[in-house]
Amino acid sequence: MQKTDTTVHTSSIGAPTLFERLHARGINPNKMAIYAMLITFLIMTFFVLVIMFSMSLRPTALIYVDFWGLPVPPTFVNYQQAFGALIGPMLRTIGVAFVSIVGITALACPASYALARVKFPGRRLILVLVLALIMIPGPIQLTPNFILANELGLRGSLWGLVVFYIAGGQAFAIFLITTFFLNLDKEMFEAARIDGASEIQALLRVAIPLAWPIIMTVAILNFLSMYSDLIWPSLMLPRSEQTLMIALQNFDQQIGEFDARPDLGIRAAGYSIAVIPQLFLFVFAMKYFIQGLTSGAVKG
């Protein structure tokens, strides 16, 4: 009788659920779901890049015949034609972005230091106004910026991009760098003043070396924005000085074998070439980018 009671009691409890078995093995189901979702997004992202790279290594005629075919054997003729057409606009875009980023950081660092470490009337109001500027959508600023560029005679030259990139990037850069400077210990700046350092020396020798990760974050975000900008360069520049995005938009190579359809092989090669600077940027600057994003999380 006792054996029968034990059997009934065990069957009423039932077998452990899947979540209970996972917890028993030290596996968190919630983390598994998050990892599965991230891996899915990663596969979806790289799938598009792999298809683009595969198309760039195949003749366009074969792409139209067998879209999902493999590049066997690979051909680099598409890259030769795309490189010749895009190298000039790419270098021009990188040069404009470099000059603009130098201007943004050179102006934002002293302004951020003043807002964070120098006491003067109205500095909180200035910081609020900076936040208000960040909230203004970019498309709303196109018309007044275009009128201002015409009045200043900047339309038709690369300075029309550089000046407005520097001005447009100030608000976000000042906000990020000011937030970082506010989280630094006051004792470091007080010790610098005791040693006879001026505010400019404290900025150059104490604040900026410590703020290098957040400065790199500002540089990376601005570079990505400028590198992929299409609207403002199309309003400012003539066709002889087009940037990379305009060159890609006008990169309308066609073939005659299929009723003048787009040459997908050369286009894919052009897009693959355009991605290279961004990949190099993330590979060599990702450490600073992550440090900059997390630098304000812990005070000090």
Protein backbone atom coordinates (compact mmCIF):
# COMPACT_ATOMS: atom_id res chain seq x y z
CA MET A 1 0.00 0.00 0.00
CA GLN A 2 2.82 2.34 0.77
CA LYS A 3 4.38 1.68 -2.64
CA THR A 4 1.14 2.55 -4.39
CA ASP A 5 0.84 5.86 -2.50
CA THR A 6 4.35 6.82 -3.56
CA THR A 7 3.58 6.13 -7.22
CA VAL A 8 0.43 8.26 -7.14
CA HIS A 9 2.26 11.14 -5.42
CA THR A 10 5.08 11.15 -8.04
CA SER A 11 2.69 11.16 -10.96
CA SER A 12 0.73 14.07 -9.49
CA ILE A 13 3.85 16.21 -9.33
CA GLY A 14 4.76 15.49 -12.95
CA ALA A 15 8.04 15.92 -14.85
CA PRO A 16 9.94 19.25 -14.55
CA THR A 17 9.20 21.82 -17.21
CA LEU A 18 11.70 22.94 -19.84
CA PHE A 19 12.47 26.18 -17.95
CA GLU A 20 13.08 24.24 -14.73
CA ARG A 21 15.51 21.89 -16.49
CA LEU A 22 17.36 24.84 -18.02
CA HIS A 23 17.62 26.61 -14.65
CA ALA A 24 18.87 23.39 -13.10
CA ARG A 25 21.70 23.34 -15.60
CA GLY A 26 22.57 26.99 -14.95
CA ILE A 27 21.07 28.30 -18.21
CA ASN A 28 18.99 31.49 -18.17
CA PRO A 29 16.12 31.23 -20.70
CA ASN A 30 15.79 35.02 -20.90
CA LYS A 31 19.43 35.39 -21.90
CA MET A 32 19.03 32.60 -24.43
CA ALA A 33 16.12 34.45 -26.03
CA ILE A 34 18.12 37.69 -26.17
CA TYR A 35 21.15 35.96 -27.68
CA ALA A 36 18.94 34.19 -30.23
CA MET A 37 17.38 37.50 -31.25
CA LEU A 38 20.79 39.19 -31.56
CA ILE A 39 22.19 36.33 -33.60
CA THR A 40 19.16 36.50 -35.89
CA PHE A 41 19.65 40.23 -36.47
CA LEU A 42 23.37 39.64 -37.04
CA ILE A 43 22.69 36.97 -39.65
CA MET A 44 20.13 39.19 -41.39
CA THR A 45 22.61 42.09 -41.51
CA PHE A 46 25.55 40.09 -42.80
CA PHE A 47 23.36 38.18 -45.26
CA VAL A 48 22.78 41.40 -47.21
CA LEU A 49 26.50 42.22 -47.16
CA VAL A 50 27.46 38.73 -48.32
CA ILE A 51 24.98 38.90 -51.21
CA MET A 52 26.32 42.32 -52.21
CA PHE A 53 29.93 41.11 -52.11
CA SER A 54 29.03 37.97 -54.05
CA MET A 55 27.32 40.03 -56.75
CA SER A 56 30.35 42.29 -57.04
CA LEU A 57 32.51 39.30 -57.98
CA ARG A 58 30.21 38.07 -60.76
CA PRO A 59 29.45 39.36 -64.27
CA THR A 60 26.09 41.08 -64.44
CA ALA A 61 24.84 38.70 -67.15
CA LEU A 62 25.27 35.77 -64.77
CA ILE A 63 23.51 37.68 -61.98
CA TYR A 64 20.41 38.10 -64.12
CA VAL A 65 20.50 34.44 -65.18
CA ASP A 66 21.16 32.98 -61.70
CA PHE A 67 20.79 35.53 -58.91
CA TRP A 68 21.73 33.14 -56.07
CA GLY A 69 24.75 31.67 -57.83
CA LEU A 70 28.22 31.68 -56.31
CA PRO A 71 31.12 33.74 -57.73
CA VAL A 72 32.99 30.79 -59.19
CA PRO A 73 35.37 31.84 -60.63
CA PRO A 74 35.44 35.37 -59.17
CA THR A 75 36.08 38.34 -61.43
CA PHE A 76 37.44 41.75 -60.38
CA VAL A 77 36.53 43.68 -63.50
CA ASN A 78 33.60 45.28 -61.68
CA TYR A 79 35.94 46.68 -59.02
CA GLN A 80 38.26 48.17 -61.61
CA GLN A 81 35.45 50.16 -63.21
CA ALA A 82 33.80 51.16 -59.93
CA PHE A 83 37.07 52.22 -58.29
CA GLY A 84 37.93 54.59 -61.10
CA ALA A 85 34.56 56.29 -60.86
CA LEU A 86 34.31 56.52 -57.05
CA ILE A 87 37.83 57.12 -55.74
CA GLY A 88 37.67 60.90 -56.31
CA PRO A 89 34.30 61.45 -54.59
CA MET A 90 35.34 59.12 -51.74
CA LEU A 91 38.57 61.03 -51.02
CA ARG A 92 36.67 64.31 -51.27
CA THR A 93 34.09 63.09 -48.77
CA ILE A 94 36.72 61.82 -46.33
CA GLY A 95 38.62 65.12 -46.57
CA VAL A 96 35.49 67.17 -45.86
CA ALA A 97 34.60 64.93 -42.93
CA PHE A 98 38.12 65.14 -41.47
CA VAL A 99 38.26 68.95 -41.60
CA SER A 100 34.74 69.21 -40.19
CA ILE A 101 35.45 66.83 -37.30
CA VAL A 102 38.61 68.73 -36.38
CA GLY A 103 36.58 71.95 -36.35
CA ILE A 104 33.78 70.40 -34.27
CA THR A 105 36.08 69.04 -31.58
CA ALA A 106 38.30 72.14 -31.52
CA LEU A 107 35.29 74.34 -30.76
CA ALA A 108 33.26 71.93 -28.64
CA CYS A 109 36.01 71.04 -26.14
CA PRO A 110 36.62 74.59 -24.81
CA ALA A 111 32.88 75.32 -24.79
CA SER A 112 32.17 72.10 -22.89
CA TYR A 113 34.93 72.79 -20.39
CA ALA A 114 33.55 76.26 -19.73
CA LEU A 115 30.02 74.92 -19.19
CA ALA A 116 31.23 72.14 -16.90
CA ARG A 117 34.07 73.68 -14.89
CA VAL A 118 33.90 77.48 -15.10
CA LYS A 119 31.28 79.22 -12.98
CA PHE A 120 29.61 82.16 -14.74
CA PRO A 121 26.07 83.50 -14.84
CA GLY A 122 23.74 81.85 -17.34
CA ARG A 123 25.72 78.66 -17.99
CA ARG A 124 22.72 76.46 -17.10
CA LEU A 125 20.57 78.45 -19.51
CA ILE A 126 23.18 77.93 -22.24
CA LEU A 127 23.17 74.18 -21.60
CA VAL A 128 19.38 74.13 -21.85
CA LEU A 129 19.57 75.99 -25.16
CA VAL A 130 22.10 73.45 -26.41
CA LEU A 131 19.68 70.65 -25.55
CA ALA A 132 16.92 72.53 -27.33
CA LEU A 133 19.04 72.73 -30.49
CA ILE A 134 19.54 68.96 -30.43
CA MET A 135 15.76 68.47 -30.45
CA ILE A 136 15.25 70.45 -33.68
CA PRO A 137 14.89 67.99 -36.59
CA GLY A 138 17.49 68.31 -39.31
CA PRO A 139 15.06 68.66 -42.27
CA ILE A 140 13.54 71.76 -40.68
CA GLN A 141 16.94 73.46 -40.81
CA LEU A 142 17.51 72.81 -44.53
CA THR A 143 15.66 75.87 -45.82
CA PRO A 144 17.22 78.50 -43.49
CA ASN A 145 20.65 76.91 -43.92
CA PHE A 146 20.29 76.97 -47.70
CA ILE A 147 19.31 80.66 -47.64
CA LEU A 148 22.21 81.46 -45.31
CA ALA A 149 24.66 79.57 -47.52
CA ASN A 150 23.51 81.60 -50.52
CA GLU A 151 23.91 84.86 -48.61
CA LEU A 152 27.42 83.91 -47.48
CA GLY A 153 28.45 82.79 -50.96
CA LEU A 154 29.23 79.25 -49.82
CA ARG A 155 27.07 77.43 -52.30
CA GLY A 156 29.05 75.67 -55.00
CA SER A 157 32.14 74.96 -52.89
CA LEU A 158 33.20 72.39 -50.32
CA TRP A 159 33.27 75.11 -47.66
CA GLY A 160 29.49 75.09 -47.87
CA LEU A 161 29.67 71.60 -46.41
CA VAL A 162 32.48 72.17 -43.91
CA VAL A 163 31.02 75.33 -42.33
CA PHE A 164 27.55 73.89 -41.83
CA TYR A 165 28.84 70.51 -40.70
CA ILE A 166 30.88 72.24 -38.00
CA ALA A 167 27.98 74.43 -36.95
CA GLY A 168 25.46 71.60 -37.05
CA GLY A 169 27.65 69.25 -35.02
CA GLN A 170 28.33 71.64 -32.15
CA ALA A 171 25.18 71.03 -30.08
CA PHE A 172 25.51 67.26 -29.84
CA ALA A 173 29.27 67.39 -29.29
CA ILE A 174 28.96 70.02 -26.54
CA PHE A 175 26.27 67.99 -24.81
CA LEU A 176 28.30 64.76 -24.77
CA ILE A 177 31.62 66.31 -23.79
CA THR A 178 30.03 68.54 -21.14
CA THR A 179 28.36 65.51 -19.58
CA PHE A 180 31.73 63.77 -19.43
CA PHE A 181 33.51 66.78 -17.91
CA LEU A 182 30.81 67.07 -15.23
CA ASN A 183 31.53 63.50 -14.12
CA LEU A 184 35.25 64.11 -13.60
CA ASP A 185 36.52 64.63 -10.06
CA LYS A 186 36.88 68.26 -9.04
CA GLU A 187 40.04 67.44 -7.09
CA MET A 188 42.03 66.93 -10.29
CA PHE A 189 41.26 70.43 -11.52
CA GLU A 190 41.80 71.94 -8.07
CA ALA A 191 45.21 70.27 -7.89
CA ALA A 192 46.05 71.66 -11.34
CA ARG A 193 45.11 75.17 -10.21
CA ILE A 194 47.21 74.78 -7.05
CA ASP A 195 50.16 73.86 -9.27
CA GLY A 196 49.65 77.14 -11.11
CA ALA A 197 47.85 75.84 -14.20
CA SER A 198 45.49 78.21 -15.97
CA GLU A 199 42.08 77.13 -17.25
CA ILE A 200 43.48 76.59 -20.74
CA GLN A 201 46.33 74.47 -19.36
CA ALA A 202 43.87 72.45 -17.27
CA LEU A 203 41.79 71.89 -20.38
CA LEU A 204 44.72 70.79 -22.53
CA ARG A 205 46.66 68.76 -19.94
CA VAL A 206 43.90 67.30 -17.74
CA ALA A 207 40.47 67.41 -19.33
CA ILE A 208 41.16 66.54 -22.98
CA PRO A 209 43.47 63.55 -22.29
CA LEU A 210 40.81 62.08 -20.01
CA ALA A 211 38.05 62.86 -22.51
CA TRP A 212 39.75 61.15 -25.43
CA PRO A 213 37.20 58.26 -25.59
CA ILE A 214 34.21 60.62 -25.69
CA ILE A 215 35.97 62.81 -28.26
CA MET A 216 36.50 59.74 -30.42
CA THR A 217 32.82 58.89 -30.01
CA VAL A 218 31.87 62.35 -31.23
CA ALA A 219 34.26 61.97 -34.16
CA ILE A 220 32.90 58.55 -35.16
CA LEU A 221 29.25 59.59 -34.99
CA ASN A 222 29.89 62.74 -36.99
CA PHE A 223 31.95 60.87 -39.57
CA LEU A 224 29.17 58.35 -40.14
CA SER A 225 26.64 61.15 -40.50
CA MET A 226 28.78 63.18 -42.93
CA TYR A 227 29.95 60.18 -44.92
CA SER A 228 26.37 59.06 -45.63
CA ASP A 229 24.90 62.54 -46.15
CA LEU A 230 23.13 62.98 -49.47
CA ILE A 231 20.69 65.89 -49.13
CA TRP A 232 22.99 68.74 -48.09
CA PRO A 233 25.81 67.99 -50.58
CA SER A 234 23.24 67.72 -53.39
CA LEU A 235 22.06 71.25 -52.49
CA MET A 236 25.54 72.75 -52.14
CA LEU A 237 27.83 71.16 -54.72
CA PRO A 238 27.99 71.12 -58.52
CA ARG A 239 28.34 67.85 -60.39
CA SER A 240 32.09 68.40 -60.78
CA GLU A 241 32.62 68.22 -56.99
CA GLN A 242 30.14 65.57 -55.95
CA THR A 243 30.56 63.56 -52.76
CA LEU A 244 30.44 59.79 -52.46
CA MET A 245 26.69 59.46 -51.84
CA ILE A 246 25.90 61.64 -54.86
CA ALA A 247 28.36 59.64 -56.96
CA LEU A 248 26.69 56.40 -55.88
CA GLN A 249 23.28 57.82 -56.69
CA ASN A 250 24.45 58.84 -60.16
CA PHE A 251 26.38 55.60 -60.62
CA ASP A 252 23.87 54.29 -63.17
CA GLN A 253 25.94 51.83 -65.15
CA GLN A 254 23.86 49.80 -67.61
CA ILE A 255 24.37 46.83 -69.89
CA GLY A 256 22.83 46.21 -73.29
CA GLU A 257 22.38 42.47 -73.13
CA PHE A 258 19.16 42.77 -71.14
CA ASP A 259 17.42 45.84 -72.59
CA ALA A 260 19.67 48.40 -70.87
CA ARG A 261 19.09 47.08 -67.37
CA PRO A 262 21.26 48.30 -64.47
CA ASP A 263 24.71 46.78 -64.27
CA LEU A 264 24.26 45.12 -60.89
CA GLY A 265 27.82 43.79 -60.74
CA ILE A 266 29.46 47.21 -61.03
CA ARG A 267 26.89 48.73 -58.67
CA ALA A 268 27.53 46.08 -56.03
CA ALA A 269 31.28 46.65 -56.41
CA GLY A 270 30.75 50.40 -55.91
CA TYR A 271 28.73 49.83 -52.75
CA SER A 272 31.37 47.40 -51.47
CA ILE A 273 34.10 49.99 -52.03
CA ALA A 274 32.03 52.66 -50.25
CA VAL A 275 31.77 50.48 -47.12
CA ILE A 276 35.54 50.06 -46.71
CA PRO A 277 36.28 53.35 -44.82
CA GLN A 278 33.46 52.66 -42.37
CA LEU A 279 34.74 49.15 -41.71
CA PHE A 280 38.25 50.45 -41.05
CA LEU A 281 36.84 53.09 -38.74
CA PHE A 282 34.97 50.56 -36.62
CA VAL A 283 37.86 48.09 -36.54
CA PHE A 284 40.43 50.62 -35.30
CA ALA A 285 38.19 52.89 -33.22
CA MET A 286 35.62 50.52 -31.73
CA LYS A 287 37.46 50.37 -28.39
CA TYR A 288 37.29 54.15 -27.99
CA PHE A 289 33.69 54.19 -29.19
CA ILE A 290 32.58 51.71 -26.50
CA GLN A 291 34.58 53.53 -23.82
CA GLY A 292 32.98 56.81 -24.86
CA LEU A 293 29.45 55.40 -24.70
CA THR A 294 30.02 53.99 -21.19
CA SER A 295 32.27 56.76 -19.83
CA GLY A 296 29.41 58.69 -18.23
CA ALA A 297 27.85 55.66 -16.59
CA VAL A 298 30.09 55.73 -13.51
CA LYS A 299 31.12 58.96 -11.86
CA GLY A 300 34.86 59.46 -11.63
